[in-house]
Amino acid sequence: MKLTVLMLSLCVATVMAQAPSAELSYAAGRDAPIDDRAIVTLARMTDFLKMLNTFRISSESSRDEIVDTDMKVQKNASNVMSVRLPDRLHAHVRGDDRDLEFFYNGRTLTVFSREKNYYASTPAPPTISRTLDATRARYGIVMPLADFIQMAAGEDFKQSIVGAGHIGTSRIDGVECDHLAIRQADVDWQVWIEKGATPLPRKLVITTKNQPTQPQYVATLEWDLSPGIDDSLFTFVPPPNAVRIMFARTKNRDESPANP
């Protein structure tokens, strides 16, 4: 198939808007109170996520999109993410203005636009966590719920917290949860964590503070901890007449071959 060189601006822009990341560093001079109970609850969640090997997350999400400079409109999407750590991932995002699939098999990452019948592929690092970091840095692509996947892969984000509070108890889809509020450098986020033996995140709200309108991303999550997943799900097979295009790279990218 002839390689068509195009900019994958549609995929990059929509994925970035779809799932803003809560992974940010400290802001100097912006210390806020940190509630020990909130940190303990977060630690229970992250420790539990690190025990997972194969799982599926289904979510319903909404995000604020800015139009006419300062007006917010809400866009909705359904996401299904299948993960087999350390090196298999498939995601399907179906929303108001996109229908995207992500395939990662430990060697290659492919993003496929069902609507346009376009796809782009790139060599990828050998683990999900490194691949998520590399695609964010090189192409500006942030996969849905990437932070939770990286927590399951063993990454620790607590050092970037500048404020944390335990708001109380709430029920999400009939599940009793601890409601936490977290502050980081440029985002405030809330997470509802299931009480009991399976402290899974059940709802997430991220508020982006470095934009004047402070847009929000909201997602409710359902977890399947013993899904039946065939290995073929993680490898992309181009459908008839699909057109291969190139990822658009972000500026100031790391060109090292060791970090594809």
C-alpha atoms as a PDB file:
ATOM      1  CA  MET A   1       0.000   0.000   0.000  1.00  0.00           C
ATOM      2  CA  LYS A   2       1.352   3.388  -0.919  1.00  0.00           C
ATOM      3  CA  LEU A   3       2.266   5.383   2.189  1.00  0.00           C
ATOM      4  CA  THR A   4       0.260   8.590   2.269  1.00  0.00           C
ATOM      5  CA  VAL A   5       2.057  11.268   4.277  1.00  0.00           C
ATOM      6  CA  LEU A   6      -0.537  13.315   6.108  1.00  0.00           C
ATOM      7  CA  MET A   7      -0.689  15.033   9.468  1.00  0.00           C
ATOM      8  CA  LEU A   8      -2.657  13.057  12.030  1.00  0.00           C
ATOM      9  CA  SER A   9      -4.059  16.236  13.540  1.00  0.00           C
ATOM     10  CA  LEU A  10      -7.560  14.816  13.960  1.00  0.00           C
ATOM     11  CA  CYS A  11      -6.418  11.903  16.082  1.00  0.00           C
ATOM     12  CA  VAL A  12      -3.948  13.914  18.129  1.00  0.00           C
ATOM     13  CA  ALA A  13      -6.286  16.819  18.863  1.00  0.00           C
ATOM     14  CA  THR A  14      -9.307  14.732  19.734  1.00  0.00           C
ATOM     15  CA  VAL A  15      -7.431  12.273  21.917  1.00  0.00           C
ATOM     16  CA  MET A  16      -5.770  15.087  23.842  1.00  0.00           C
ATOM     17  CA  ALA A  17      -9.156  16.641  24.491  1.00  0.00           C
ATOM     18  CA  GLN A  18     -10.730  13.296  25.279  1.00  0.00           C
ATOM     19  CA  ALA A  19      -8.659  12.393  28.286  1.00  0.00           C
ATOM     20  CA  PRO A  20      -6.606  15.111  29.958  1.00  0.00           C
ATOM     21  CA  SER A  21      -3.851  13.730  32.104  1.00  0.00           C
ATOM     22  CA  ALA A  22      -3.559  14.347  35.830  1.00  0.00           C
ATOM     23  CA  GLU A  23       0.175  13.733  35.746  1.00  0.00           C
ATOM     24  CA  LEU A  24       1.835  17.044  36.628  1.00  0.00           C
ATOM     25  CA  SER A  25       4.740  18.185  38.762  1.00  0.00           C
ATOM     26  CA  TYR A  26       4.927  20.343  41.852  1.00  0.00           C
ATOM     27  CA  ALA A  27       4.276  24.054  41.580  1.00  0.00           C
ATOM     28  CA  ALA A  28       6.781  26.016  43.624  1.00  0.00           C
ATOM     29  CA  GLY A  29       5.303  27.981  46.479  1.00  0.00           C
ATOM     30  CA  ARG A  30       1.806  26.507  46.174  1.00  0.00           C
ATOM     31  CA  ASP A  31       1.646  24.219  49.178  1.00  0.00           C
ATOM     32  CA  ALA A  32      -1.830  23.221  50.346  1.00  0.00           C
ATOM     33  CA  PRO A  33      -2.999  21.016  53.242  1.00  0.00           C
ATOM     34  CA  ILE A  34      -2.661  17.292  52.642  1.00  0.00           C
ATOM     35  CA  ASP A  35      -5.130  15.119  54.552  1.00  0.00           C
ATOM     36  CA  ASP A  36      -3.501  11.892  55.724  1.00  0.00           C
ATOM     37  CA  ARG A  37      -6.780  10.017  55.278  1.00  0.00           C
ATOM     38  CA  ALA A  38      -6.908  11.037  51.627  1.00  0.00           C
ATOM     39  CA  ILE A  39      -3.325   9.886  51.058  1.00  0.00           C
ATOM     40  CA  VAL A  40      -4.000   6.546  52.768  1.00  0.00           C
ATOM     41  CA  THR A  41      -7.081   6.013  50.583  1.00  0.00           C
ATOM     42  CA  LEU A  42      -5.128   6.900  47.449  1.00  0.00           C
ATOM     43  CA  ALA A  43      -2.360   4.495  48.505  1.00  0.00           C
ATOM     44  CA  ARG A  44      -4.910   1.686  48.918  1.00  0.00           C
ATOM     45  CA  MET A  45      -6.164   2.349  45.409  1.00  0.00           C
ATOM     46  CA  THR A  46      -2.714   2.471  43.806  1.00  0.00           C
ATOM     47  CA  ASP A  47      -1.521  -0.614  45.696  1.00  0.00           C
ATOM     48  CA  PHE A  48      -4.583  -2.520  44.497  1.00  0.00           C
ATOM     49  CA  LEU A  49      -4.125  -1.362  40.903  1.00  0.00           C
ATOM     50  CA  LYS A  50      -0.527  -2.586  41.000  1.00  0.00           C
ATOM     51  CA  MET A  51      -1.830  -6.094  41.752  1.00  0.00           C
ATOM     52  CA  LEU A  52      -3.815  -6.246  38.515  1.00  0.00           C
ATOM     53  CA  ASN A  53      -2.529  -8.037  35.446  1.00  0.00           C
ATOM     54  CA  THR A  54      -5.409  -8.297  32.981  1.00  0.00           C
ATOM     55  CA  PHE A  55      -8.451  -6.038  33.167  1.00  0.00           C
ATOM     56  CA  ARG A  56     -10.992  -4.083  31.171  1.00  0.00           C
ATOM     57  CA  ILE A  57     -12.293  -0.581  31.945  1.00  0.00           C
ATOM     58  CA  SER A  58     -15.556   0.640  30.438  1.00  0.00           C
ATOM     59  CA  SER A  59     -16.331   4.308  30.921  1.00  0.00           C
ATOM     60  CA  GLU A  60     -18.815   6.985  29.977  1.00  0.00           C
ATOM     61  CA  SER A  61     -17.175  10.384  29.766  1.00  0.00           C
ATOM     62  CA  SER A  62     -17.849  14.023  28.999  1.00  0.00           C
ATOM     63  CA  ARG A  63     -15.424  16.841  28.291  1.00  0.00           C
ATOM     64  CA  ASP A  64     -15.783  20.565  27.911  1.00  0.00           C
ATOM     65  CA  GLU A  65     -14.756  21.897  24.504  1.00  0.00           C
ATOM     66  CA  ILE A  66     -14.051  25.607  24.111  1.00  0.00           C
ATOM     67  CA  VAL A  67     -15.721  27.362  21.168  1.00  0.00           C
ATOM     68  CA  ASP A  68     -15.897  31.053  20.258  1.00  0.00           C
ATOM     69  CA  THR A  69     -12.961  31.796  22.560  1.00  0.00           C
ATOM     70  CA  ASP A  70     -14.684  31.329  25.915  1.00  0.00           C
ATOM     71  CA  MET A  71     -17.902  29.337  25.459  1.00  0.00           C
ATOM     72  CA  LYS A  72     -17.960  25.740  26.719  1.00  0.00           C
ATOM     73  CA  VAL A  73     -19.892  22.942  25.030  1.00  0.00           C
ATOM     74  CA  GLN A  74     -19.970  19.392  26.304  1.00  0.00           C
ATOM     75  CA  LYS A  75     -18.910  16.400  24.226  1.00  0.00           C
ATOM     76  CA  ASN A  76     -19.674  12.826  25.269  1.00  0.00           C
ATOM     77  CA  ALA A  77     -17.971   9.496  24.593  1.00  0.00           C
ATOM     78  CA  SER A  78     -17.911   5.826  25.535  1.00  0.00           C
ATOM     79  CA  ASN A  79     -14.522   4.208  26.103  1.00  0.00           C
ATOM     80  CA  VAL A  80     -13.525   0.553  26.440  1.00  0.00           C
ATOM     81  CA  MET A  81      -9.920  -0.171  27.435  1.00  0.00           C
ATOM     82  CA  SER A  82      -8.542  -3.738  27.528  1.00  0.00           C
ATOM     83  CA  VAL A  83      -5.159  -4.177  29.223  1.00  0.00           C
ATOM     84  CA  ARG A  84      -2.790  -7.072  29.744  1.00  0.00           C
ATOM     85  CA  LEU A  85       0.291  -5.918  31.588  1.00  0.00           C
ATOM     86  CA  PRO A  86       3.050  -5.268  30.889  1.00  0.00           C
ATOM     87  CA  ASP A  87       2.791  -5.014  27.111  1.00  0.00           C
ATOM     88  CA  ARG A  88      -0.724  -5.322  25.644  1.00  0.00           C
ATOM     89  CA  LEU A  89      -3.388  -2.635  25.265  1.00  0.00           C
ATOM     90  CA  HIS A  90      -6.463  -1.975  23.149  1.00  0.00           C
ATOM     91  CA  ALA A  91      -8.803   1.012  23.460  1.00  0.00           C
ATOM     92  CA  HIS A  92     -11.931   1.998  21.571  1.00  0.00           C
ATOM     93  CA  VAL A  93     -13.243   5.556  21.914  1.00  0.00           C
ATOM     94  CA  ARG A  94     -16.662   6.281  20.410  1.00  0.00           C
ATOM     95  CA  GLY A  95     -17.949   9.801  20.864  1.00  0.00           C
ATOM     96  CA  ASP A  96     -19.919  12.670  19.403  1.00  0.00           C
ATOM     97  CA  ASP A  97     -17.156  13.531  16.954  1.00  0.00           C
ATOM     98  CA  ARG A  98     -14.775  10.558  16.869  1.00  0.00           C
ATOM     99  CA  ASP A  99     -14.497   6.807  16.525  1.00  0.00           C
ATOM    100  CA  LEU A 100     -10.915   5.831  17.300  1.00  0.00           C
ATOM    101  CA  GLU A 101      -9.141   2.584  18.153  1.00  0.00           C
ATOM    102  CA  PHE A 102      -5.700   2.153  19.730  1.00  0.00           C
ATOM    103  CA  PHE A 103      -3.695  -1.053  19.314  1.00  0.00           C
ATOM    104  CA  TYR A 104      -0.475  -1.864  21.197  1.00  0.00           C
ATOM    105  CA  ASN A 105       1.151  -5.315  21.141  1.00  0.00           C
ATOM    106  CA  GLY A 106       4.509  -4.682  22.808  1.00  0.00           C
ATOM    107  CA  ARG A 107       6.167  -3.659  19.546  1.00  0.00           C
ATOM    108  CA  THR A 108       3.900  -1.324  17.606  1.00  0.00           C
ATOM    109  CA  LEU A 109       1.320   1.331  18.466  1.00  0.00           C
ATOM    110  CA  THR A 110      -1.434   1.961  15.914  1.00  0.00           C
ATOM    111  CA  VAL A 111      -4.210   4.565  15.999  1.00  0.00           C
ATOM    112  CA  PHE A 112      -7.110   3.852  13.633  1.00  0.00           C
ATOM    113  CA  SER A 113      -9.879   6.288  12.712  1.00  0.00           C
ATOM    114  CA  ARG A 114     -12.939   4.199  11.868  1.00  0.00           C
ATOM    115  CA  GLU A 115     -14.749   7.254  10.530  1.00  0.00           C
ATOM    116  CA  LYS A 116     -11.992   8.208   8.065  1.00  0.00           C
ATOM    117  CA  ASN A 117     -10.539   4.706   7.515  1.00  0.00           C
ATOM    118  CA  TYR A 118      -7.078   6.158   8.222  1.00  0.00           C
ATOM    119  CA  TYR A 119      -4.441   4.624  10.464  1.00  0.00           C
ATOM    120  CA  ALA A 120      -0.976   5.505  11.706  1.00  0.00           C
ATOM    121  CA  SER A 121       1.573   3.110  13.178  1.00  0.00           C
ATOM    122  CA  THR A 122       4.876   3.626  14.954  1.00  0.00           C
ATOM    123  CA  PRO A 123       7.448   1.407  16.683  1.00  0.00           C
ATOM    124  CA  ALA A 124       6.833   1.489  20.425  1.00  0.00           C
ATOM    125  CA  PRO A 125       8.766   0.707  23.627  1.00  0.00           C
ATOM    126  CA  PRO A 126       8.329  -2.763  25.181  1.00  0.00           C
ATOM    127  CA  THR A 127       5.942  -1.746  28.004  1.00  0.00           C
ATOM    128  CA  ILE A 128       2.604   0.057  28.202  1.00  0.00           C
ATOM    129  CA  SER A 129       3.892   2.645  30.664  1.00  0.00           C
ATOM    130  CA  ARG A 130       6.858   3.629  28.498  1.00  0.00           C
ATOM    131  CA  THR A 131       4.659   3.690  25.411  1.00  0.00           C
ATOM    132  CA  LEU A 132       2.157   6.048  27.042  1.00  0.00           C
ATOM    133  CA  ASP A 133       5.003   8.383  28.041  1.00  0.00           C
ATOM    134  CA  ALA A 134       6.630   8.234  24.607  1.00  0.00           C
ATOM    135  CA  THR A 135       3.446   8.890  22.619  1.00  0.00           C
ATOM    136  CA  ARG A 136       2.541  11.782  24.888  1.00  0.00           C
ATOM    137  CA  ALA A 137       5.977  13.356  24.473  1.00  0.00           C
ATOM    138  CA  ARG A 138       6.410  12.715  20.754  1.00  0.00           C
ATOM    139  CA  TYR A 139       2.925  13.055  19.332  1.00  0.00           C
ATOM    140  CA  GLY A 140       0.867  14.776  22.028  1.00  0.00           C
ATOM    141  CA  ILE A 141      -1.404  11.722  22.284  1.00  0.00           C
ATOM    142  CA  VAL A 142      -2.944  11.079  25.707  1.00  0.00           C
ATOM    143  CA  MET A 143      -4.905   7.850  25.852  1.00  0.00           C
ATOM    144  CA  PRO A 144      -8.143   7.664  27.839  1.00  0.00           C
ATOM    145  CA  LEU A 145      -7.566   6.949  31.546  1.00  0.00           C
ATOM    146  CA  ALA A 146      -3.807   6.733  30.999  1.00  0.00           C
ATOM    147  CA  ASP A 147      -3.007   7.665  34.608  1.00  0.00           C
ATOM    148  CA  PHE A 148      -4.863   4.674  36.058  1.00  0.00           C
ATOM    149  CA  ILE A 149      -3.167   2.321  33.606  1.00  0.00           C
ATOM    150  CA  GLN A 150       0.241   3.662  34.593  1.00  0.00           C
ATOM    151  CA  MET A 151      -0.631   3.257  38.274  1.00  0.00           C
ATOM    152  CA  ALA A 152      -1.412  -0.409  37.561  1.00  0.00           C
ATOM    153  CA  ALA A 153       1.957  -0.620  35.813  1.00  0.00           C
ATOM    154  CA  GLY A 154       3.654   0.537  39.013  1.00  0.00           C
ATOM    155  CA  GLU A 155       4.137   4.274  38.605  1.00  0.00           C
ATOM    156  CA  ASP A 156       3.766   6.535  41.650  1.00  0.00           C
ATOM    157  CA  PHE A 157       2.130   9.927  41.127  1.00  0.00           C
ATOM    158  CA  LYS A 158       1.744  10.963  44.776  1.00  0.00           C
ATOM    159  CA  GLN A 159       4.916  13.075  44.770  1.00  0.00           C
ATOM    160  CA  SER A 160       3.181  15.571  42.459  1.00  0.00           C
ATOM    161  CA  ILE A 161       0.311  16.243  44.878  1.00  0.00           C
ATOM    162  CA  VAL A 162       0.266  19.679  46.532  1.00  0.00           C
ATOM    163  CA  GLY A 163      -3.109  19.327  48.266  1.00  0.00           C
ATOM    164  CA  ALA A 164      -5.476  16.475  49.149  1.00  0.00           C
ATOM    165  CA  GLY A 165      -8.696  16.165  51.111  1.00  0.00           C
ATOM    166  CA  HIS A 166     -11.235  13.495  52.062  1.00  0.00           C
ATOM    167  CA  ILE A 167     -14.625  15.000  51.172  1.00  0.00           C
ATOM    168  CA  GLY A 168     -16.823  12.201  52.498  1.00  0.00           C
ATOM    169  CA  THR A 169     -18.710   9.109  51.391  1.00  0.00           C
ATOM    170  CA  SER A 170     -20.757   8.902  48.207  1.00  0.00           C
ATOM    171  CA  ARG A 171     -22.433   6.242  46.058  1.00  0.00           C
ATOM    172  CA  ILE A 172     -21.492   5.810  42.400  1.00  0.00           C
ATOM    173  CA  ASP A 173     -23.736   3.445  40.446  1.00  0.00           C
ATOM    174  CA  GLY A 174     -24.804   1.883  43.737  1.00  0.00           C
ATOM    175  CA  VAL A 175     -21.217   1.388  44.985  1.00  0.00           C
ATOM    176  CA  GLU A 176     -20.180   3.091  48.234  1.00  0.00           C
ATOM    177  CA  CYS A 177     -17.049   5.177  47.659  1.00  0.00           C
ATOM    178  CA  ASP A 178     -14.629   7.528  49.397  1.00  0.00           C
ATOM    179  CA  HIS A 179     -14.742  10.925  47.678  1.00  0.00           C
ATOM    180  CA  LEU A 180     -11.331  12.628  47.464  1.00  0.00           C
ATOM    181  CA  ALA A 181     -10.257  16.032  46.145  1.00  0.00           C
ATOM    182  CA  ILE A 182      -6.668  16.354  44.869  1.00  0.00           C
ATOM    183  CA  ARG A 183      -4.697  19.426  43.833  1.00  0.00           C
ATOM    184  CA  GLN A 184      -1.733  19.386  41.477  1.00  0.00           C
ATOM    185  CA  ALA A 185       0.100  22.151  39.658  1.00  0.00           C
ATOM    186  CA  ASP A 186      -2.332  22.913  36.852  1.00  0.00           C
ATOM    187  CA  VAL A 187      -5.271  20.613  37.598  1.00  0.00           C
ATOM    188  CA  ASP A 188      -7.705  19.933  40.386  1.00  0.00           C
ATOM    189  CA  TRP A 189      -9.174  16.467  40.301  1.00  0.00           C
ATOM    190  CA  GLN A 190     -11.685  14.455  42.233  1.00  0.00           C
ATOM    191  CA  VAL A 191     -11.814  10.686  42.468  1.00  0.00           C
ATOM    192  CA  TRP A 192     -14.385   8.367  43.988  1.00  0.00           C
ATOM    193  CA  ILE A 193     -12.717   5.158  45.261  1.00  0.00           C
ATOM    194  CA  GLU A 194     -14.703   2.051  46.080  1.00  0.00           C
ATOM    195  CA  LYS A 195     -14.737   1.063  49.745  1.00  0.00           C
ATOM    196  CA  GLY A 196     -13.899  -2.461  50.838  1.00  0.00           C
ATOM    197  CA  ALA A 197     -11.678  -5.159  49.388  1.00  0.00           C
ATOM    198  CA  THR A 198     -11.561  -3.747  45.830  1.00  0.00           C
ATOM    199  CA  PRO A 199     -10.595  -0.047  46.107  1.00  0.00           C
ATOM    200  CA  LEU A 200     -11.094   0.777  42.434  1.00  0.00           C
ATOM    201  CA  PRO A 201     -11.664   4.299  41.081  1.00  0.00           C
ATOM    202  CA  ARG A 202     -15.333   4.591  40.088  1.00  0.00           C
ATOM    203  CA  LYS A 203     -15.568   8.229  39.005  1.00  0.00           C
ATOM    204  CA  LEU A 204     -13.086  10.906  37.977  1.00  0.00           C
ATOM    205  CA  VAL A 205     -13.428  14.671  37.507  1.00  0.00           C
ATOM    206  CA  ILE A 206     -10.459  16.688  36.200  1.00  0.00           C
ATOM    207  CA  THR A 207     -10.560  20.497  36.123  1.00  0.00           C
ATOM    208  CA  THR A 208      -7.875  22.194  34.025  1.00  0.00           C
ATOM    209  CA  LYS A 209      -6.910  25.380  35.871  1.00  0.00           C
ATOM    210  CA  ASN A 210      -4.431  26.892  33.427  1.00  0.00           C
ATOM    211  CA  GLN A 211      -7.226  27.810  30.997  1.00  0.00           C
ATOM    212  CA  PRO A 212      -9.517  30.780  31.758  1.00  0.00           C
ATOM    213  CA  THR A 213     -12.716  28.739  31.369  1.00  0.00           C
ATOM    214  CA  GLN A 214     -11.363  25.857  33.508  1.00  0.00           C
ATOM    215  CA  PRO A 215     -12.811  23.045  31.358  1.00  0.00           C
ATOM    216  CA  GLN A 216     -13.655  19.729  32.975  1.00  0.00           C
ATOM    217  CA  TYR A 217     -13.384  16.078  32.043  1.00  0.00           C
ATOM    218  CA  VAL A 218     -15.785  13.685  33.824  1.00  0.00           C
ATOM    219  CA  ALA A 219     -15.810   9.875  33.611  1.00  0.00           C
ATOM    220  CA  THR A 220     -17.631   7.067  35.396  1.00  0.00           C
ATOM    221  CA  LEU A 221     -15.860   3.707  35.312  1.00  0.00           C
ATOM    222  CA  GLU A 222     -16.841   0.040  35.367  1.00  0.00           C
ATOM    223  CA  TRP A 223     -14.139  -2.586  35.907  1.00  0.00           C
ATOM    224  CA  ASP A 224     -13.864  -6.193  34.761  1.00  0.00           C
ATOM    225  CA  LEU A 225     -10.958  -7.859  36.563  1.00  0.00           C
ATOM    226  CA  SER A 226     -11.221 -11.228  34.798  1.00  0.00           C
ATOM    227  CA  PRO A 227     -12.048 -10.491  31.161  1.00  0.00           C
ATOM    228  CA  GLY A 228     -11.620 -13.045  28.440  1.00  0.00           C
ATOM    229  CA  ILE A 229      -9.298 -11.296  25.974  1.00  0.00           C
ATOM    230  CA  ASP A 230      -7.899 -12.907  22.849  1.00  0.00           C
ATOM    231  CA  ASP A 231      -4.337 -11.854  22.042  1.00  0.00           C
ATOM    232  CA  SER A 232      -5.386 -10.913  18.498  1.00  0.00           C
ATOM    233  CA  LEU A 233      -7.254  -7.913  19.941  1.00  0.00           C
ATOM    234  CA  PHE A 234      -3.953  -6.066  20.461  1.00  0.00           C
ATOM    235  CA  THR A 235      -2.636  -6.272  16.891  1.00  0.00           C
ATOM    236  CA  PHE A 236      -4.065  -4.078  14.157  1.00  0.00           C
ATOM    237  CA  VAL A 237      -5.088  -5.624  10.825  1.00  0.00           C
ATOM    238  CA  PRO A 238      -5.906  -2.922   8.250  1.00  0.00           C
ATOM    239  CA  PRO A 239      -9.426  -3.194   6.854  1.00  0.00           C
ATOM    240  CA  PRO A 240      -9.988  -3.030   3.079  1.00  0.00           C
ATOM    241  CA  ASN A 241      -9.021   0.296   1.502  1.00  0.00           C
ATOM    242  CA  ALA A 242      -7.594   1.697   4.748  1.00  0.00           C
ATOM    243  CA  VAL A 243      -5.066   4.477   4.151  1.00  0.00           C
ATOM    244  CA  ARG A 244      -1.850   4.642   6.141  1.00  0.00           C
ATOM    245  CA  ILE A 245      -0.805   8.109   7.269  1.00  0.00           C
ATOM    246  CA  MET A 246       1.946   9.536   9.470  1.00  0.00           C
ATOM    247  CA  PHE A 247       1.755  10.738  13.049  1.00  0.00           C
ATOM    248  CA  ALA A 248       2.306  14.472  13.482  1.00  0.00           C
ATOM    249  CA  ARG A 249       5.147  15.095  15.908  1.00  0.00           C
ATOM    250  CA  THR A 250       5.098  17.703  18.626  1.00  0.00           C
ATOM    251  CA  LYS A 251       7.852  20.296  18.897  1.00  0.00           C
ATOM    252  CA  ASN A 252      10.927  19.728  21.087  1.00  0.00           C
ATOM    253  CA  ARG A 253      10.564  15.962  20.817  1.00  0.00           C
ATOM    254  CA  ASP A 254      13.265  13.503  21.860  1.00  0.00           C
ATOM    255  CA  GLU A 255      14.707  12.111  18.641  1.00  0.00           C
ATOM    256  CA  SER A 256      16.665   9.314  20.381  1.00  0.00           C
ATOM    257  CA  PRO A 257      16.089   5.922  18.696  1.00  0.00           C
ATOM    258  CA  ALA A 258      15.887   4.391  22.175  1.00  0.00           C
ATOM    259  CA  ASN A 259      12.690   6.345  22.822  1.00  0.00           C
ATOM    260  CA  PRO A 260      10.370   5.706  19.867  1.00  0.00           C
END
